[in-house]
Amino acid sequence: MKEIREKFGTLEVYEERCVSDDYDEFVIYNKDLDEWNKIFVGYFGEPTKPAGKRPSSNDLELTREHGGIFLNQTLFKRELDDAFIIAMMWPWQDSVHTTLKIVRIKK
């Protein structure tokens, strides 16, 4: 998690809601989404579930405990030996902000 945080240290964050070993939550600006996506694609690879694609039952199960994942949201996933790291991007209706959740889920 710290490795990911270091990659976006120069990007502007509207609100830092939670930062811990296994869970981070931020509100970010949509004007910077291209930069955020470059960082996440570099770390995770292409999104597991891009915005506009229906989530699979596996995506729903993996994200259920942290609010789920919906049609207009984006999910990135990386599998480690002992855990999954996921990043979920939830756009706001104001078209200015997005909630970003990064979670380490133990297997």
PDB file of N, CA and C in Angstrom:
ATOM      1  N   MET A   1       0.829  -1.182   0.000  1.00  0.00           N
ATOM      2  CA  MET A   1       0.000   0.000   0.000  1.00  0.00           C
ATOM      3  C   MET A   1       0.882   1.257   0.000  1.00  0.00           C
ATOM      4  N   LYS A   2       1.902   1.239   0.794  1.00  0.00           N
ATOM      5  CA  LYS A   2       2.800   2.397   0.847  1.00  0.00           C
ATOM      6  C   LYS A   2       3.434   2.651  -0.522  1.00  0.00           C
ATOM      7  N   GLU A   3       3.766   1.575  -1.227  1.00  0.00           N
ATOM      8  CA  GLU A   3       4.367   1.683  -2.565  1.00  0.00           C
ATOM      9  C   GLU A   3       3.441   2.436  -3.520  1.00  0.00           C
ATOM     10  N   ILE A   4       2.162   2.157  -3.451  1.00  0.00           N
ATOM     11  CA  ILE A   4       1.194   2.842  -4.319  1.00  0.00           C
ATOM     12  C   ILE A   4       1.084   4.310  -3.910  1.00  0.00           C
ATOM     13  N   ARG A   5       0.975   4.575  -2.590  1.00  0.00           N
ATOM     14  CA  ARG A   5       0.855   5.946  -2.098  1.00  0.00           C
ATOM     15  C   ARG A   5       2.025   6.807  -2.567  1.00  0.00           C
ATOM     16  N   GLU A   6       3.208   6.246  -2.566  1.00  0.00           N
ATOM     17  CA  GLU A   6       4.396   7.004  -2.984  1.00  0.00           C
ATOM     18  C   GLU A   6       4.305   7.416  -4.452  1.00  0.00           C
ATOM     19  N   LYS A   7       3.655   6.609  -5.276  1.00  0.00           N
ATOM     20  CA  LYS A   7       3.540   6.901  -6.707  1.00  0.00           C
ATOM     21  C   LYS A   7       2.637   8.102  -6.976  1.00  0.00           C
ATOM     22  N   PHE A   8       1.665   8.359  -6.105  1.00  0.00           N
ATOM     23  CA  PHE A   8       0.768   9.480  -6.366  1.00  0.00           C
ATOM     24  C   PHE A   8       0.991  10.641  -5.398  1.00  0.00           C
ATOM     25  N   GLY A   9       2.137  10.684  -4.781  1.00  0.00           N
ATOM     26  CA  GLY A   9       2.444  11.728  -3.820  1.00  0.00           C
ATOM     27  C   GLY A   9       2.407  13.143  -4.362  1.00  0.00           C
ATOM     28  N   THR A  10       2.584  13.318  -5.659  1.00  0.00           N
ATOM     29  CA  THR A  10       2.590  14.661  -6.233  1.00  0.00           C
ATOM     30  C   THR A  10       1.210  15.113  -6.719  1.00  0.00           C
ATOM     31  N   LEU A  11       0.243  14.203  -6.750  1.00  0.00           N
ATOM     32  CA  LEU A  11      -1.100  14.567  -7.217  1.00  0.00           C
ATOM     33  C   LEU A  11      -1.919  15.193  -6.089  1.00  0.00           C
ATOM     34  N   GLU A  12      -2.798  16.110  -6.464  1.00  0.00           N
ATOM     35  CA  GLU A  12      -3.625  16.812  -5.495  1.00  0.00           C
ATOM     36  C   GLU A  12      -4.763  15.914  -5.010  1.00  0.00           C
ATOM     37  N   VAL A  13      -4.968  15.895  -3.699  1.00  0.00           N
ATOM     38  CA  VAL A  13      -6.045  15.133  -3.072  1.00  0.00           C
ATOM     39  C   VAL A  13      -6.989  16.132  -2.416  1.00  0.00           C
ATOM     40  N   TYR A  14      -8.270  16.036  -2.703  1.00  0.00           N
ATOM     41  CA  TYR A  14      -9.271  16.919  -2.119  1.00  0.00           C
ATOM     42  C   TYR A  14      -9.469  16.607  -0.632  1.00  0.00           C
ATOM     43  N   GLU A  15      -9.572  15.307  -0.315  1.00  0.00           N
ATOM     44  CA  GLU A  15      -9.811  14.897   1.068  1.00  0.00           C
ATOM     45  C   GLU A  15      -9.141  13.556   1.329  1.00  0.00           C
ATOM     46  N   GLU A  16      -8.440  13.472   2.441  1.00  0.00           N
ATOM     47  CA  GLU A  16      -7.845  12.208   2.896  1.00  0.00           C
ATOM     48  C   GLU A  16      -8.738  11.688   4.014  1.00  0.00           C
ATOM     49  N   ARG A  17      -9.474  10.628   3.728  1.00  0.00           N
ATOM     50  CA  ARG A  17     -10.444  10.119   4.701  1.00  0.00           C
ATOM     51  C   ARG A  17      -9.841   9.077   5.641  1.00  0.00           C
ATOM     52  N   CYS A  18      -8.962   8.229   5.113  1.00  0.00           N
ATOM     53  CA  CYS A  18      -8.381   7.163   5.924  1.00  0.00           C
ATOM     54  C   CYS A  18      -7.093   6.694   5.266  1.00  0.00           C
ATOM     55  N   VAL A  19      -6.050   6.511   6.057  1.00  0.00           N
ATOM     56  CA  VAL A  19      -4.798   5.931   5.575  1.00  0.00           C
ATOM     57  C   VAL A  19      -4.339   4.941   6.634  1.00  0.00           C
ATOM     58  N   SER A  20      -4.247   3.672   6.257  1.00  0.00           N
ATOM     59  CA  SER A  20      -3.812   2.639   7.194  1.00  0.00           C
ATOM     60  C   SER A  20      -3.022   1.577   6.430  1.00  0.00           C
ATOM     61  N   ASP A  21      -2.616   0.542   7.119  1.00  0.00           N
ATOM     62  CA  ASP A  21      -1.829  -0.521   6.487  1.00  0.00           C
ATOM     63  C   ASP A  21      -2.616  -1.268   5.409  1.00  0.00           C
ATOM     64  N   ASP A  22      -3.924  -1.444   5.627  1.00  0.00           N
ATOM     65  CA  ASP A  22      -4.727  -2.265   4.719  1.00  0.00           C
ATOM     66  C   ASP A  22      -5.862  -1.525   4.020  1.00  0.00           C
ATOM     67  N   TYR A  23      -6.049  -0.231   4.311  1.00  0.00           N
ATOM     68  CA  TYR A  23      -7.173   0.491   3.725  1.00  0.00           C
ATOM     69  C   TYR A  23      -6.842   1.973   3.623  1.00  0.00           C
ATOM     70  N   ASP A  24      -6.976   2.513   2.434  1.00  0.00           N
ATOM     71  CA  ASP A  24      -6.831   3.949   2.192  1.00  0.00           C
ATOM     72  C   ASP A  24      -8.088   4.441   1.494  1.00  0.00           C
ATOM     73  N   GLU A  25      -8.534   5.626   1.868  1.00  0.00           N
ATOM     74  CA  GLU A  25      -9.661   6.238   1.171  1.00  0.00           C
ATOM     75  C   GLU A  25      -9.389   7.731   1.004  1.00  0.00           C
ATOM     76  N   PHE A  26      -9.518   8.187  -0.237  1.00  0.00           N
ATOM     77  CA  PHE A  26      -9.280   9.578  -0.593  1.00  0.00           C
ATOM     78  C   PHE A  26     -10.409  10.060  -1.485  1.00  0.00           C
ATOM     79  N   VAL A  27     -10.566  11.378  -1.549  1.00  0.00           N
ATOM     80  CA  VAL A  27     -11.391  11.995  -2.576  1.00  0.00           C
ATOM     81  C   VAL A  27     -10.420  12.753  -3.471  1.00  0.00           C
ATOM     82  N   ILE A  28     -10.483  12.455  -4.761  1.00  0.00           N
ATOM     83  CA  ILE A  28      -9.555  13.048  -5.718  1.00  0.00           C
ATOM     84  C   ILE A  28     -10.327  13.890  -6.729  1.00  0.00           C
ATOM     85  N   TYR A  29      -9.588  14.682  -7.494  1.00  0.00           N
ATOM     86  CA  TYR A  29     -10.194  15.533  -8.517  1.00  0.00           C
ATOM     87  C   TYR A  29     -10.239  14.821  -9.865  1.00  0.00           C
ATOM     88  N   ASN A  30     -11.357  14.901 -10.538  1.00  0.00           N
ATOM     89  CA  ASN A  30     -11.515  14.282 -11.860  1.00  0.00           C
ATOM     90  C   ASN A  30     -10.573  14.883 -12.901  1.00  0.00           C
ATOM     91  N   LYS A  31     -10.170  16.126 -12.724  1.00  0.00           N
ATOM     92  CA  LYS A  31      -9.254  16.756 -13.676  1.00  0.00           C
ATOM     93  C   LYS A  31      -7.921  16.011 -13.750  1.00  0.00           C
ATOM     94  N   ASP A  32      -7.610  15.225 -12.714  1.00  0.00           N
ATOM     95  CA  ASP A  32      -6.354  14.475 -12.654  1.00  0.00           C
ATOM     96  C   ASP A  32      -6.522  12.979 -12.946  1.00  0.00           C
ATOM     97  N   LEU A  33      -7.701  12.567 -13.393  1.00  0.00           N
ATOM     98  CA  LEU A  33      -7.969  11.131 -13.567  1.00  0.00           C
ATOM     99  C   LEU A  33      -7.013  10.454 -14.551  1.00  0.00           C
ATOM    100  N   ASP A  34      -6.602  11.146 -15.606  1.00  0.00           N
ATOM    101  CA  ASP A  34      -5.650  10.536 -16.543  1.00  0.00           C
ATOM    102  C   ASP A  34      -4.352  10.168 -15.834  1.00  0.00           C
ATOM    103  N   GLU A  35      -3.873  11.041 -14.951  1.00  0.00           N
ATOM    104  CA  GLU A  35      -2.642  10.759 -14.202  1.00  0.00           C
ATOM    105  C   GLU A  35      -2.844   9.617 -13.217  1.00  0.00           C
ATOM    106  N   TRP A  36      -3.967   9.627 -12.520  1.00  0.00           N
ATOM    107  CA  TRP A  36      -4.277   8.527 -11.588  1.00  0.00           C
ATOM    108  C   TRP A  36      -4.333   7.204 -12.346  1.00  0.00           C
ATOM    109  N   ASN A  37      -5.006   7.192 -13.495  1.00  0.00           N
ATOM    110  CA  ASN A  37      -5.120   5.963 -14.277  1.00  0.00           C
ATOM    111  C   ASN A  37      -3.751   5.468 -14.751  1.00  0.00           C
ATOM    112  N   LYS A  38      -2.853   6.363 -15.145  1.00  0.00           N
ATOM    113  CA  LYS A  38      -1.504   5.953 -15.548  1.00  0.00           C
ATOM    114  C   LYS A  38      -0.784   5.254 -14.397  1.00  0.00           C
ATOM    115  N   ILE A  39      -0.917   5.822 -13.210  1.00  0.00           N
ATOM    116  CA  ILE A  39      -0.286   5.220 -12.023  1.00  0.00           C
ATOM    117  C   ILE A  39      -0.856   3.830 -11.777  1.00  0.00           C
ATOM    118  N   PHE A  40      -2.185   3.719 -11.815  1.00  0.00           N
ATOM    119  CA  PHE A  40      -2.814   2.432 -11.514  1.00  0.00           C
ATOM    120  C   PHE A  40      -2.554   1.391 -12.594  1.00  0.00           C
ATOM    121  N   VAL A  41      -2.579   1.779 -13.843  1.00  0.00           N
ATOM    122  CA  VAL A  41      -2.263   0.830 -14.917  1.00  0.00           C
ATOM    123  C   VAL A  41      -0.816   0.370 -14.779  1.00  0.00           C
ATOM    124  N   GLY A  42       0.086   1.265 -14.387  1.00  0.00           N
ATOM    125  CA  GLY A  42       1.474   0.892 -14.173  1.00  0.00           C
ATOM    126  C   GLY A  42       1.658  -0.100 -13.040  1.00  0.00           C
ATOM    127  N   TYR A  43       0.845  -0.002 -12.012  1.00  0.00           N
ATOM    128  CA  TYR A  43       0.950  -0.900 -10.858  1.00  0.00           C
ATOM    129  C   TYR A  43       0.107  -2.163 -11.017  1.00  0.00           C
ATOM    130  N   PHE A  44      -1.144  -1.995 -11.456  1.00  0.00           N
ATOM    131  CA  PHE A  44      -2.094  -3.105 -11.506  1.00  0.00           C
ATOM    132  C   PHE A  44      -2.215  -3.748 -12.884  1.00  0.00           C
ATOM    133  N   GLY A  45      -1.914  -3.019 -13.933  1.00  0.00           N
ATOM    134  CA  GLY A  45      -2.283  -3.429 -15.278  1.00  0.00           C
ATOM    135  C   GLY A  45      -3.631  -2.797 -15.611  1.00  0.00           C
ATOM    136  N   GLU A  46      -4.194  -3.162 -16.739  1.00  0.00           N
ATOM    137  CA  GLU A  46      -5.485  -2.595 -17.159  1.00  0.00           C
ATOM    138  C   GLU A  46      -6.564  -2.900 -16.116  1.00  0.00           C
ATOM    139  N   PRO A  47      -7.598  -2.065 -16.026  1.00  0.00           N
ATOM    140  CA  PRO A  47      -8.654  -2.301 -15.040  1.00  0.00           C
ATOM    141  C   PRO A  47      -9.288  -3.680 -15.193  1.00  0.00           C
ATOM    142  N   THR A  48      -9.557  -4.298 -14.080  1.00  0.00           N
ATOM    143  CA  THR A  48     -10.297  -5.557 -14.056  1.00  0.00           C
ATOM    144  C   THR A  48     -11.731  -5.312 -14.517  1.00  0.00           C
ATOM    145  N   LYS A  49     -12.267  -4.174 -14.073  1.00  0.00           N
ATOM    146  CA  LYS A  49     -13.615  -3.770 -14.460  1.00  0.00           C
ATOM    147  C   LYS A  49     -13.599  -2.275 -14.747  1.00  0.00           C
ATOM    148  N   PRO A  50     -13.528  -1.915 -16.019  1.00  0.00           N
ATOM    149  CA  PRO A  50     -13.577  -0.488 -16.358  1.00  0.00           C
ATOM    150  C   PRO A  50     -14.980   0.080 -16.154  1.00  0.00           C
ATOM    151  N   ALA A  51     -15.068   1.387 -16.004  1.00  0.00           N
ATOM    152  CA  ALA A  51     -16.375   2.050 -15.923  1.00  0.00           C
ATOM    153  C   ALA A  51     -17.168   1.716 -17.182  1.00  0.00           C
ATOM    154  N   GLY A  52     -18.451   1.430 -16.979  1.00  0.00           N
ATOM    155  CA  GLY A  52     -19.326   1.100 -18.105  1.00  0.00           C
ATOM    156  C   GLY A  52     -19.463  -0.387 -18.358  1.00  0.00           C
ATOM    157  N   LYS A  53     -18.638  -1.204 -17.734  1.00  0.00           N
ATOM    158  CA  LYS A  53     -18.714  -2.663 -17.875  1.00  0.00           C
ATOM    159  C   LYS A  53     -19.380  -3.231 -16.616  1.00  0.00           C
ATOM    160  N   ARG A  54     -20.237  -4.200 -16.824  1.00  0.00           N
ATOM    161  CA  ARG A  54     -20.908  -4.829 -15.678  1.00  0.00           C
ATOM    162  C   ARG A  54     -19.884  -5.604 -14.844  1.00  0.00           C
ATOM    163  N   PRO A  55     -19.973  -5.507 -13.520  1.00  0.00           N
ATOM    164  CA  PRO A  55     -19.056  -6.269 -12.666  1.00  0.00           C
ATOM    165  C   PRO A  55     -19.388  -7.757 -12.700  1.00  0.00           C
ATOM    166  N   SER A  56     -18.350  -8.569 -12.644  1.00  0.00           N
ATOM    167  CA  SER A  56     -18.554 -10.021 -12.572  1.00  0.00           C
ATOM    168  C   SER A  56     -18.951 -10.390 -11.144  1.00  0.00           C
ATOM    169  N   SER A  57     -19.426 -11.605 -10.954  1.00  0.00           N
ATOM    170  CA  SER A  57     -19.777 -12.061  -9.605  1.00  0.00           C
ATOM    171  C   SER A  57     -18.528 -12.079  -8.718  1.00  0.00           C
ATOM    172  N   ASN A  58     -17.356 -12.394  -9.285  1.00  0.00           N
ATOM    173  CA  ASN A  58     -16.108 -12.361  -8.514  1.00  0.00           C
ATOM    174  C   ASN A  58     -15.773 -10.939  -8.078  1.00  0.00           C
ATOM    175  N   ASP A  59     -15.953  -9.956  -8.980  1.00  0.00           N
ATOM    176  CA  ASP A  59     -15.713  -8.552  -8.638  1.00  0.00           C
ATOM    177  C   ASP A  59     -16.634  -8.116  -7.502  1.00  0.00           C
ATOM    178  N   LEU A  60     -17.887  -8.494  -7.596  1.00  0.00           N
ATOM    179  CA  LEU A  60     -18.862  -8.126  -6.568  1.00  0.00           C
ATOM    180  C   LEU A  60     -18.499  -8.737  -5.220  1.00  0.00           C
ATOM    181  N   GLU A  61     -18.113  -9.990  -5.221  1.00  0.00           N
ATOM    182  CA  GLU A  61     -17.746 -10.667  -3.969  1.00  0.00           C
ATOM    183  C   GLU A  61     -16.489 -10.042  -3.358  1.00  0.00           C
ATOM    184  N   LEU A  62     -15.484  -9.782  -4.176  1.00  0.00           N
ATOM    185  CA  LEU A  62     -14.217  -9.226  -3.707  1.00  0.00           C
ATOM    186  C   LEU A  62     -14.404  -7.833  -3.092  1.00  0.00           C
ATOM    187  N   THR A  63     -15.313  -7.038  -3.640  1.00  0.00           N
ATOM    188  CA  THR A  63     -15.490  -5.653  -3.199  1.00  0.00           C
ATOM    189  C   THR A  63     -16.646  -5.454  -2.216  1.00  0.00           C
ATOM    190  N   ARG A  64     -17.436  -6.483  -1.988  1.00  0.00           N
ATOM    191  CA  ARG A  64     -18.665  -6.369  -1.180  1.00  0.00           C
ATOM    192  C   ARG A  64     -18.421  -5.706   0.177  1.00  0.00           C
ATOM    193  N   GLU A  65     -17.399  -6.115   0.880  1.00  0.00           N
ATOM    194  CA  GLU A  65     -17.120  -5.612   2.225  1.00  0.00           C
ATOM    195  C   GLU A  65     -16.726  -4.127   2.235  1.00  0.00           C
ATOM    196  N   HIS A  66     -16.360  -3.603   1.083  1.00  0.00           N
ATOM    197  CA  HIS A  66     -15.896  -2.214   1.002  1.00  0.00           C
ATOM    198  C   HIS A  66     -16.796  -1.350   0.125  1.00  0.00           C
ATOM    199  N   GLY A  67     -18.066  -1.743   0.023  1.00  0.00           N
ATOM    200  CA  GLY A  67     -19.051  -0.928  -0.680  1.00  0.00           C
ATOM    201  C   GLY A  67     -19.463  -1.441  -2.040  1.00  0.00           C
ATOM    202  N   GLY A  68     -18.805  -2.503  -2.529  1.00  0.00           N
ATOM    203  CA  GLY A  68     -19.170  -3.075  -3.822  1.00  0.00           C
ATOM    204  C   GLY A  68     -18.608  -2.270  -4.979  1.00  0.00           C
ATOM    205  N   ILE A  69     -18.926  -2.739  -6.168  1.00  0.00           N
ATOM    206  CA  ILE A  69     -18.486  -2.055  -7.395  1.00  0.00           C
ATOM    207  C   ILE A  69     -19.667  -2.038  -8.354  1.00  0.00           C
ATOM    208  N   PHE A  70     -19.920  -0.882  -8.955  1.00  0.00           N
ATOM    209  CA  PHE A  70     -21.093  -0.707  -9.792  1.00  0.00           C
ATOM    210  C   PHE A  70     -20.705  -0.346 -11.219  1.00  0.00           C
ATOM    211  N   LEU A  71     -21.676  -0.294 -12.087  1.00  0.00           N
ATOM    212  CA  LEU A  71     -21.470  -0.100 -13.519  1.00  0.00           C
ATOM    213  C   LEU A  71     -20.589   1.111 -13.848  1.00  0.00           C
ATOM    214  N   ASN A  72     -20.813   2.237 -13.186  1.00  0.00           N
ATOM    215  CA  ASN A  72     -20.086   3.465 -13.521  1.00  0.00           C
ATOM    216  C   ASN A  72     -18.735   3.587 -12.797  1.00  0.00           C
ATOM    217  N   GLN A  73     -18.354   2.560 -12.067  1.00  0.00           N
ATOM    218  CA  GLN A  73     -17.126   2.600 -11.275  1.00  0.00           C
ATOM    219  C   GLN A  73     -16.033   1.738 -11.909  1.00  0.00           C
ATOM    220  N   THR A  74     -14.784   2.003 -11.491  1.00  0.00           N
ATOM    221  CA  THR A  74     -13.632   1.292 -12.031  1.00  0.00           C
ATOM    222  C   THR A  74     -12.971   0.476 -10.927  1.00  0.00           C
ATOM    223  N   LEU A  75     -12.552  -0.733 -11.275  1.00  0.00           N
ATOM    224  CA  LEU A  75     -11.861  -1.620 -10.339  1.00  0.00           C
ATOM    225  C   LEU A  75     -10.551  -2.085 -10.943  1.00  0.00           C
ATOM    226  N   PHE A  76      -9.485  -1.887 -10.175  1.00  0.00           N
ATOM    227  CA  PHE A  76      -8.177  -2.454 -10.495  1.00  0.00           C
ATOM    228  C   PHE A  76      -7.894  -3.543  -9.467  1.00  0.00           C
ATOM    229  N   LYS A  77      -7.176  -4.596  -9.886  1.00  0.00           N
ATOM    230  CA  LYS A  77      -6.882  -5.686  -8.957  1.00  0.00           C
ATOM    231  C   LYS A  77      -5.501  -6.256  -9.261  1.00  0.00           C
ATOM    232  N   ARG A  78      -4.767  -6.549  -8.198  1.00  0.00           N
ATOM    233  CA  ARG A  78      -3.470  -7.210  -8.317  1.00  0.00           C
ATOM    234  C   ARG A  78      -3.408  -8.307  -7.269  1.00  0.00           C
ATOM    235  N   GLU A  79      -3.025  -9.500  -7.708  1.00  0.00           N
ATOM    236  CA  GLU A  79      -2.941 -10.632  -6.794  1.00  0.00           C
ATOM    237  C   GLU A  79      -1.504 -10.795  -6.318  1.00  0.00           C
ATOM    238  N   LEU A  80      -1.343 -10.903  -5.008  1.00  0.00           N
ATOM    239  CA  LEU A  80      -0.058 -11.178  -4.382  1.00  0.00           C
ATOM    240  C   LEU A  80      -0.116 -12.589  -3.801  1.00  0.00           C
ATOM    241  N   ASP A  81       0.972 -13.053  -3.237  1.00  0.00           N
ATOM    242  CA  ASP A  81       0.990 -14.404  -2.662  1.00  0.00           C
ATOM    243  C   ASP A  81      -0.053 -14.577  -1.566  1.00  0.00           C
ATOM    244  N   ASP A  82      -0.177 -13.585  -0.692  1.00  0.00           N
ATOM    245  CA  ASP A  82      -1.037 -13.729   0.480  1.00  0.00           C
ATOM    246  C   ASP A  82      -2.270 -12.824   0.474  1.00  0.00           C
ATOM    247  N   ALA A  83      -2.426 -12.019  -0.586  1.00  0.00           N
ATOM    248  CA  ALA A  83      -3.514 -11.042  -0.574  1.00  0.00           C
ATOM    249  C   ALA A  83      -3.824 -10.543  -1.981  1.00  0.00           C
ATOM    250  N   PHE A  84      -4.914  -9.818  -2.069  1.00  0.00           N
ATOM    251  CA  PHE A  84      -5.257  -9.030  -3.258  1.00  0.00           C
ATOM    252  C   PHE A  84      -5.121  -7.570  -2.858  1.00  0.00           C
ATOM    253  N   ILE A  85      -4.643  -6.748  -3.768  1.00  0.00           N
ATOM    254  CA  ILE A  85      -4.695  -5.302  -3.613  1.00  0.00           C
ATOM    255  C   ILE A  85      -5.688  -4.824  -4.660  1.00  0.00           C
ATOM    256  N   ILE A  86      -6.670  -4.058  -4.229  1.00  0.00           N
ATOM    257  CA  ILE A  86      -7.642  -3.520  -5.178  1.00  0.00           C
ATOM    258  C   ILE A  86      -7.687  -1.993  -5.052  1.00  0.00           C
ATOM    259  N   ALA A  87      -8.037  -1.349  -6.135  1.00  0.00           N
ATOM    260  CA  ALA A  87      -8.313   0.088  -6.141  1.00  0.00           C
ATOM    261  C   ALA A  87      -9.664   0.276  -6.809  1.00  0.00           C
ATOM    262  N   MET A  88     -10.537   1.000  -6.143  1.00  0.00           N
ATOM    263  CA  MET A  88     -11.871   1.274  -6.669  1.00  0.00           C
ATOM    264  C   MET A  88     -12.025   2.775  -6.836  1.00  0.00           C
ATOM    265  N   MET A  89     -12.507   3.176  -7.984  1.00  0.00           N
ATOM    266  CA  MET A  89     -12.745   4.585  -8.263  1.00  0.00           C
ATOM    267  C   MET A  89     -14.244   4.798  -8.441  1.00  0.00           C
ATOM    268  N   TRP A  90     -14.806   5.620  -7.568  1.00  0.00           N
ATOM    269  CA  TRP A  90     -16.239   5.885  -7.556  1.00  0.00           C
ATOM    270  C   TRP A  90     -16.485   7.343  -7.913  1.00  0.00           C
ATOM    271  N   PRO A  91     -16.881   7.642  -9.145  1.00  0.00           N
ATOM    272  CA  PRO A  91     -17.125   9.041  -9.528  1.00  0.00           C
ATOM    273  C   PRO A  91     -18.357   9.616  -8.817  1.00  0.00           C
ATOM    274  N   TRP A  92     -18.260  10.879  -8.461  1.00  0.00           N
ATOM    275  CA  TRP A  92     -19.378  11.593  -7.849  1.00  0.00           C
ATOM    276  C   TRP A  92     -20.281  12.155  -8.937  1.00  0.00           C
ATOM    277  N   GLN A  93     -21.515  12.434  -8.567  1.00  0.00           N
ATOM    278  CA  GLN A  93     -22.457  13.029  -9.522  1.00  0.00           C
ATOM    279  C   GLN A  93     -22.097  14.466  -9.871  1.00  0.00           C
ATOM    280  N   ASP A  94     -21.232  15.123  -9.083  1.00  0.00           N
ATOM    281  CA  ASP A  94     -20.866  16.509  -9.375  1.00  0.00           C
ATOM    282  C   ASP A  94     -19.875  16.628 -10.536  1.00  0.00           C
ATOM    283  N   SER A  95     -19.379  15.503 -11.031  1.00  0.00           N
ATOM    284  CA  SER A  95     -18.420  15.441 -12.142  1.00  0.00           C
ATOM    285  C   SER A  95     -17.097  16.138 -11.836  1.00  0.00           C
ATOM    286  N   VAL A  96     -16.844  16.445 -10.586  1.00  0.00           N
ATOM    287  CA  VAL A  96     -15.611  17.120 -10.166  1.00  0.00           C
ATOM    288  C   VAL A  96     -14.745  16.199  -9.316  1.00  0.00           C
ATOM    289  N   HIS A  97     -15.374  15.321  -8.538  1.00  0.00           N
ATOM    290  CA  HIS A  97     -14.661  14.486  -7.577  1.00  0.00           C
ATOM    291  C   HIS A  97     -14.894  12.995  -7.834  1.00  0.00           C
ATOM    292  N   THR A  98     -13.963  12.202  -7.307  1.00  0.00           N
ATOM    293  CA  THR A  98     -14.070  10.743  -7.327  1.00  0.00           C
ATOM    294  C   THR A  98     -13.549  10.220  -5.995  1.00  0.00           C
ATOM    295  N   THR A  99     -14.276   9.285  -5.405  1.00  0.00           N
ATOM    296  CA  THR A  99     -13.774   8.602  -4.214  1.00  0.00           C
ATOM    297  C   THR A  99     -12.865   7.475  -4.683  1.00  0.00           C
ATOM    298  N   LEU A 100     -11.704   7.387  -4.055  1.00  0.00           N
ATOM    299  CA  LEU A 100     -10.719   6.362  -4.367  1.00  0.00           C
ATOM    300  C   LEU A 100     -10.500   5.520  -3.125  1.00  0.00           C
ATOM    301  N   LYS A 101     -10.713   4.224  -3.247  1.00  0.00           N
ATOM    302  CA  LYS A 101     -10.454   3.291  -2.159  1.00  0.00           C
ATOM    303  C   LYS A 101      -9.385   2.320  -2.621  1.00  0.00           C
ATOM    304  N   ILE A 102      -8.366   2.137  -1.799  1.00  0.00           N
ATOM    305  CA  ILE A 102      -7.308   1.156  -2.061  1.00  0.00           C
ATOM    306  C   ILE A 102      -7.288   0.212  -0.869  1.00  0.00           C
ATOM    307  N   VAL A 103      -7.444  -1.083  -1.146  1.00  0.00           N
ATOM    308  CA  VAL A 103      -7.646  -2.046  -0.072  1.00  0.00           C
ATOM    309  C   VAL A 103      -6.725  -3.251  -0.271  1.00  0.00           C
ATOM    310  N   ARG A 104      -6.143  -3.705   0.824  1.00  0.00           N
ATOM    311  CA  ARG A 104      -5.399  -4.976   0.846  1.00  0.00           C
ATOM    312  C   ARG A 104      -6.302  -5.992   1.499  1.00  0.00           C
ATOM    313  N   ILE A 105      -6.655  -7.054   0.753  1.00  0.00           N
ATOM    314  CA  ILE A 105      -7.579  -8.080   1.230  1.00  0.00           C
ATOM    315  C   ILE A 105      -6.794  -9.385   1.348  1.00  0.00           C
ATOM    316  N   LYS A 106      -6.680  -9.875   2.590  1.00  0.00           N
ATOM    317  CA  LYS A 106      -5.955 -11.124   2.819  1.00  0.00           C
ATOM    318  C   LYS A 106      -6.733 -12.294   2.239  1.00  0.00           C
ATOM    319  N   LYS A 107      -5.983 -13.243   1.692  1.00  0.00           N
ATOM    320  CA  LYS A 107      -6.627 -14.440   1.115  1.00  0.00           C
ATOM    321  C   LYS A 107      -7.075 -15.371   2.215  1.00  0.00           C
TER     322      LYS A 107
END
